[in-house]
Amino acid sequence: MPVFRISKYDPSLRDAGGAYTREEWTSHGDIGKVFDGAELTLAEYLVVEARYLELLDKFLGWGRVKKLKVCGMEVNDRASLQRCRGDAKQGLSEGVWLEKAEIREVARLALREVLWCRLEGQEFYVHFGYDFYMYISGVALKGEPPAVTGLFVETNCESPHGNDGS
């Protein structure tokens, strides 16, 4: 299956070993910190987060995904999880199958580092990596991947969390 790495990091700014060479924010926890002379605001963070969720929606449609299962769930911030609203947090646990709207909400929680998990189906997966990376793979993902302004979709990447999609 093809594996796509989605990030806000321009691949042209990587060194020969693949390391990103520019100092940028890498998590929700960086809100309020200064990068390249500018403070990361909540509003700026939310614009980028929305782009990730929009691209995730496009990949789910491209892969004709209806449901994905929560795998390897770890809760990093129980208080924030309790404050969250939406159907996804109701009964959210290891092994639960999520519909598309719930997938989006759990992805938001993963991007914000409230929790970590893999979202997997028989022939499709979404994995969340450190430093605001998202990995997507699926058997039906053939041709040119979808795009969203401000994000980069790299091909032939491997998820650091395995690639069996089951």
C-alpha atoms as a PDB file:
ATOM      1  CA  MET A   1       0.000   0.000   0.000  1.00  0.00           C
ATOM      2  CA  PRO A   2       1.260   3.522  -0.674  1.00  0.00           C
ATOM      3  CA  VAL A   3       2.115   5.535   2.442  1.00  0.00           C
ATOM      4  CA  PHE A   4       1.761   9.313   2.521  1.00  0.00           C
ATOM      5  CA  ARG A   5       3.375  11.587   5.105  1.00  0.00           C
ATOM      6  CA  ILE A   6       1.410  14.776   5.666  1.00  0.00           C
ATOM      7  CA  SER A   7       3.035  17.755   7.326  1.00  0.00           C
ATOM      8  CA  LYS A   8       3.312  21.519   7.356  1.00  0.00           C
ATOM      9  CA  TYR A   9       7.045  21.197   6.681  1.00  0.00           C
ATOM     10  CA  ASP A  10       8.383  22.086   3.235  1.00  0.00           C
ATOM     11  CA  PRO A  11      10.434  19.090   2.000  1.00  0.00           C
ATOM     12  CA  SER A  12      12.850  21.460   0.244  1.00  0.00           C
ATOM     13  CA  LEU A  13      14.027  22.565   3.705  1.00  0.00           C
ATOM     14  CA  ARG A  14      15.312  19.106   4.687  1.00  0.00           C
ATOM     15  CA  ASP A  15      18.990  18.229   4.839  1.00  0.00           C
ATOM     16  CA  ALA A  16      20.569  15.236   3.078  1.00  0.00           C
ATOM     17  CA  GLY A  17      19.539  12.984   5.987  1.00  0.00           C
ATOM     18  CA  GLY A  18      15.907  14.119   5.837  1.00  0.00           C
ATOM     19  CA  ALA A  19      15.993  16.299   8.979  1.00  0.00           C
ATOM     20  CA  TYR A  20      14.021  19.524   8.814  1.00  0.00           C
ATOM     21  CA  THR A  21      16.424  22.471   8.978  1.00  0.00           C
ATOM     22  CA  ARG A  22      14.145  25.316  10.050  1.00  0.00           C
ATOM     23  CA  GLU A  23      12.974  25.989  13.598  1.00  0.00           C
ATOM     24  CA  GLU A  24       9.177  25.750  13.664  1.00  0.00           C
ATOM     25  CA  TRP A  25       6.471  24.913  16.124  1.00  0.00           C
ATOM     26  CA  THR A  26       5.710  21.211  16.361  1.00  0.00           C
ATOM     27  CA  SER A  27       2.736  20.870  18.687  1.00  0.00           C
ATOM     28  CA  HIS A  28      -0.320  22.446  20.278  1.00  0.00           C
ATOM     29  CA  GLY A  29       1.860  22.918  23.367  1.00  0.00           C
ATOM     30  CA  ASP A  30       3.954  25.475  21.469  1.00  0.00           C
ATOM     31  CA  ILE A  31       1.145  28.069  21.445  1.00  0.00           C
ATOM     32  CA  GLY A  32       2.547  31.245  22.997  1.00  0.00           C
ATOM     33  CA  LYS A  33       6.166  30.422  22.113  1.00  0.00           C
ATOM     34  CA  VAL A  34       8.205  32.424  19.612  1.00  0.00           C
ATOM     35  CA  PHE A  35       9.452  30.902  16.347  1.00  0.00           C
ATOM     36  CA  ASP A  36      11.403  32.848  13.745  1.00  0.00           C
ATOM     37  CA  GLY A  37      10.595  36.089  15.576  1.00  0.00           C
ATOM     38  CA  ALA A  38       6.818  35.567  15.774  1.00  0.00           C
ATOM     39  CA  GLU A  39       4.652  34.171  18.565  1.00  0.00           C
ATOM     40  CA  LEU A  40       2.466  31.204  17.690  1.00  0.00           C
ATOM     41  CA  THR A  41      -1.100  32.204  18.503  1.00  0.00           C
ATOM     42  CA  LEU A  42      -4.079  29.945  19.080  1.00  0.00           C
ATOM     43  CA  ALA A  43      -5.708  31.386  15.953  1.00  0.00           C
ATOM     44  CA  GLU A  44      -2.661  30.515  13.810  1.00  0.00           C
ATOM     45  CA  TYR A  45      -2.525  27.022  15.291  1.00  0.00           C
ATOM     46  CA  LEU A  46      -6.232  26.447  14.581  1.00  0.00           C
ATOM     47  CA  VAL A  47      -5.802  27.410  10.903  1.00  0.00           C
ATOM     48  CA  VAL A  48      -3.113  24.753  10.466  1.00  0.00           C
ATOM     49  CA  GLU A  49      -5.077  22.161  12.447  1.00  0.00           C
ATOM     50  CA  ALA A  50      -8.119  22.796  10.237  1.00  0.00           C
ATOM     51  CA  ARG A  51      -5.972  22.170   7.162  1.00  0.00           C
ATOM     52  CA  TYR A  52      -4.894  18.779   8.526  1.00  0.00           C
ATOM     53  CA  LEU A  53      -8.495  17.819   9.218  1.00  0.00           C
ATOM     54  CA  GLU A  54      -9.592  18.995   5.775  1.00  0.00           C
ATOM     55  CA  LEU A  55      -6.880  16.894   4.129  1.00  0.00           C
ATOM     56  CA  LEU A  56      -7.791  13.902   6.308  1.00  0.00           C
ATOM     57  CA  ASP A  57     -11.390  14.238   5.097  1.00  0.00           C
ATOM     58  CA  LYS A  58     -10.169  14.258   1.494  1.00  0.00           C
ATOM     59  CA  PHE A  59      -8.071  11.120   2.043  1.00  0.00           C
ATOM     60  CA  LEU A  60     -10.995   9.346   3.726  1.00  0.00           C
ATOM     61  CA  GLY A  61     -13.156  10.162   0.708  1.00  0.00           C
ATOM     62  CA  TRP A  62     -10.430   9.128  -1.741  1.00  0.00           C
ATOM     63  CA  GLY A  63     -10.039   5.812   0.080  1.00  0.00           C
ATOM     64  CA  ARG A  64     -13.811   5.350   0.405  1.00  0.00           C
ATOM     65  CA  VAL A  65     -13.384   4.882   4.164  1.00  0.00           C
ATOM     66  CA  LYS A  66     -16.511   4.599   6.263  1.00  0.00           C
ATOM     67  CA  LYS A  67     -15.075   3.402   9.592  1.00  0.00           C
ATOM     68  CA  LEU A  68     -11.716   3.024  11.348  1.00  0.00           C
ATOM     69  CA  LYS A  69     -10.826   1.319  14.599  1.00  0.00           C
ATOM     70  CA  VAL A  70      -8.989   2.937  17.531  1.00  0.00           C
ATOM     71  CA  CYS A  71      -5.734   1.057  18.158  1.00  0.00           C
ATOM     72  CA  GLY A  72      -2.993   1.575  20.738  1.00  0.00           C
ATOM     73  CA  MET A  73      -4.845   4.413  22.486  1.00  0.00           C
ATOM     74  CA  GLU A  74      -2.968   6.362  25.145  1.00  0.00           C
ATOM     75  CA  VAL A  75      -4.565   9.299  26.959  1.00  0.00           C
ATOM     76  CA  ASN A  76      -2.043  12.063  27.636  1.00  0.00           C
ATOM     77  CA  ASP A  77      -4.387  14.660  29.148  1.00  0.00           C
ATOM     78  CA  ARG A  78      -7.477  13.257  30.861  1.00  0.00           C
ATOM     79  CA  ALA A  79      -8.699  16.691  31.988  1.00  0.00           C
ATOM     80  CA  SER A  80      -8.686  18.024  28.407  1.00  0.00           C
ATOM     81  CA  LEU A  81     -10.364  14.856  27.155  1.00  0.00           C
ATOM     82  CA  GLN A  82     -13.160  15.365  29.711  1.00  0.00           C
ATOM     83  CA  ARG A  83     -13.630  19.010  28.587  1.00  0.00           C
ATOM     84  CA  CYS A  84     -13.965  18.017  24.926  1.00  0.00           C
ATOM     85  CA  ARG A  85     -17.420  17.923  23.411  1.00  0.00           C
ATOM     86  CA  GLY A  86     -18.701  15.703  20.628  1.00  0.00           C
ATOM     87  CA  ASP A  87     -19.744  12.142  20.056  1.00  0.00           C
ATOM     88  CA  ALA A  88     -16.203  10.822  19.596  1.00  0.00           C
ATOM     89  CA  LYS A  89     -15.289  11.045  23.268  1.00  0.00           C
ATOM     90  CA  GLN A  90     -18.400   9.112  24.327  1.00  0.00           C
ATOM     91  CA  GLY A  91     -17.195   5.572  24.839  1.00  0.00           C
ATOM     92  CA  LEU A  92     -13.833   6.285  23.222  1.00  0.00           C
ATOM     93  CA  SER A  93     -11.554   3.373  23.993  1.00  0.00           C
ATOM     94  CA  GLU A  94      -9.262   0.798  22.466  1.00  0.00           C
ATOM     95  CA  GLY A  95     -10.941  -1.242  19.741  1.00  0.00           C
ATOM     96  CA  VAL A  96     -13.917   1.082  19.164  1.00  0.00           C
ATOM     97  CA  TRP A  97     -14.943   1.572  15.529  1.00  0.00           C
ATOM     98  CA  LEU A  98     -15.423   5.225  14.548  1.00  0.00           C
ATOM     99  CA  GLU A  99     -17.593   6.777  11.826  1.00  0.00           C
ATOM    100  CA  LYS A 100     -16.163   9.587   9.663  1.00  0.00           C
ATOM    101  CA  ALA A 101     -17.250  12.462  11.944  1.00  0.00           C
ATOM    102  CA  GLU A 102     -15.794  10.658  14.945  1.00  0.00           C
ATOM    103  CA  ILE A 103     -12.547   9.975  13.063  1.00  0.00           C
ATOM    104  CA  ARG A 104     -12.189  13.709  12.498  1.00  0.00           C
ATOM    105  CA  GLU A 105     -12.761  14.500  16.185  1.00  0.00           C
ATOM    106  CA  VAL A 106     -10.292  11.861  17.376  1.00  0.00           C
ATOM    107  CA  ALA A 107      -7.750  13.176  14.844  1.00  0.00           C
ATOM    108  CA  ARG A 108      -8.204  16.650  16.356  1.00  0.00           C
ATOM    109  CA  LEU A 109      -7.531  15.239  19.828  1.00  0.00           C
ATOM    110  CA  ALA A 110      -4.430  13.433  18.544  1.00  0.00           C
ATOM    111  CA  LEU A 111      -3.102  16.585  16.843  1.00  0.00           C
ATOM    112  CA  ARG A 112      -3.591  18.457  20.113  1.00  0.00           C
ATOM    113  CA  GLU A 113      -1.764  15.655  21.975  1.00  0.00           C
ATOM    114  CA  VAL A 114      -4.746  15.057  24.269  1.00  0.00           C
ATOM    115  CA  LEU A 115      -4.460  11.414  23.251  1.00  0.00           C
ATOM    116  CA  TRP A 116      -2.474   9.265  20.893  1.00  0.00           C
ATOM    117  CA  CYS A 117      -3.749   6.369  18.841  1.00  0.00           C
ATOM    118  CA  ARG A 118      -3.653   4.732  15.452  1.00  0.00           C
ATOM    119  CA  LEU A 119      -6.839   4.661  13.386  1.00  0.00           C
ATOM    120  CA  GLU A 120      -6.892   1.472  11.339  1.00  0.00           C
ATOM    121  CA  GLY A 121      -9.094  -0.577   9.075  1.00  0.00           C
ATOM    122  CA  GLN A 122      -8.494  -3.659   7.014  1.00  0.00           C
ATOM    123  CA  GLU A 123      -7.067  -1.722   4.058  1.00  0.00           C
ATOM    124  CA  PHE A 124      -6.551   1.833   5.340  1.00  0.00           C
ATOM    125  CA  TYR A 125      -4.875   3.577   8.265  1.00  0.00           C
ATOM    126  CA  VAL A 126      -4.124   6.964   9.782  1.00  0.00           C
ATOM    127  CA  HIS A 127      -1.168   7.215  12.150  1.00  0.00           C
ATOM    128  CA  PHE A 128      -0.075  10.291  14.080  1.00  0.00           C
ATOM    129  CA  GLY A 129       3.640  10.918  14.475  1.00  0.00           C
ATOM    130  CA  TYR A 130       5.650  13.225  16.650  1.00  0.00           C
ATOM    131  CA  ASP A 131       6.138  16.855  15.612  1.00  0.00           C
ATOM    132  CA  PHE A 132       2.775  17.226  13.840  1.00  0.00           C
ATOM    133  CA  TYR A 133       3.147  14.471  11.247  1.00  0.00           C
ATOM    134  CA  MET A 134       0.263  12.376   9.972  1.00  0.00           C
ATOM    135  CA  TYR A 135       0.727   9.149   7.989  1.00  0.00           C
ATOM    136  CA  ILE A 136      -2.025   7.785   5.769  1.00  0.00           C
ATOM    137  CA  SER A 137      -2.105   4.602   3.740  1.00  0.00           C
ATOM    138  CA  GLY A 138      -4.739   2.637   1.913  1.00  0.00           C
ATOM    139  CA  VAL A 139      -5.110   0.057  -0.818  1.00  0.00           C
ATOM    140  CA  ALA A 140      -7.579   2.239  -2.757  1.00  0.00           C
ATOM    141  CA  LEU A 141      -5.241   5.258  -2.760  1.00  0.00           C
ATOM    142  CA  LYS A 142      -4.094   5.244  -6.367  1.00  0.00           C
ATOM    143  CA  GLY A 143      -3.095   8.185  -8.534  1.00  0.00           C
ATOM    144  CA  GLU A 144      -2.444  11.739  -7.443  1.00  0.00           C
ATOM    145  CA  PRO A 145      -3.083  12.385  -3.719  1.00  0.00           C
ATOM    146  CA  PRO A 146      -5.402  15.170  -2.608  1.00  0.00           C
ATOM    147  CA  ALA A 147      -3.907  18.483  -1.533  1.00  0.00           C
ATOM    148  CA  VAL A 148      -4.637  21.369   0.828  1.00  0.00           C
ATOM    149  CA  THR A 149      -2.842  24.713   0.661  1.00  0.00           C
ATOM    150  CA  GLY A 150      -0.126  24.988   3.294  1.00  0.00           C
ATOM    151  CA  LEU A 151       0.420  21.255   3.732  1.00  0.00           C
ATOM    152  CA  PHE A 152       2.844  18.906   2.035  1.00  0.00           C
ATOM    153  CA  VAL A 153       1.982  15.354   1.012  1.00  0.00           C
ATOM    154  CA  GLU A 154       5.089  13.217   0.614  1.00  0.00           C
ATOM    155  CA  THR A 155       4.946   9.777  -0.971  1.00  0.00           C
ATOM    156  CA  ASN A 156       6.929   6.615  -0.280  1.00  0.00           C
ATOM    157  CA  CYS A 157       7.279   7.353   3.419  1.00  0.00           C
ATOM    158  CA  GLU A 158       6.890   4.839   6.211  1.00  0.00           C
ATOM    159  CA  SER A 159       4.859   5.255   9.347  1.00  0.00           C
ATOM    160  CA  PRO A 160       7.008   4.998  12.474  1.00  0.00           C
ATOM    161  CA  HIS A 161       4.119   3.017  13.988  1.00  0.00           C
ATOM    162  CA  GLY A 162       4.036   0.073  11.593  1.00  0.00           C
ATOM    163  CA  ASN A 163       2.210  -0.356   8.339  1.00  0.00           C
ATOM    164  CA  ASP A 164      -0.040  -3.361   8.538  1.00  0.00           C
ATOM    165  CA  GLY A 165      -3.285  -1.368   8.554  1.00  0.00           C
ATOM    166  CA  SER A 166      -5.102  -3.945  10.643  1.00  0.00           C
END
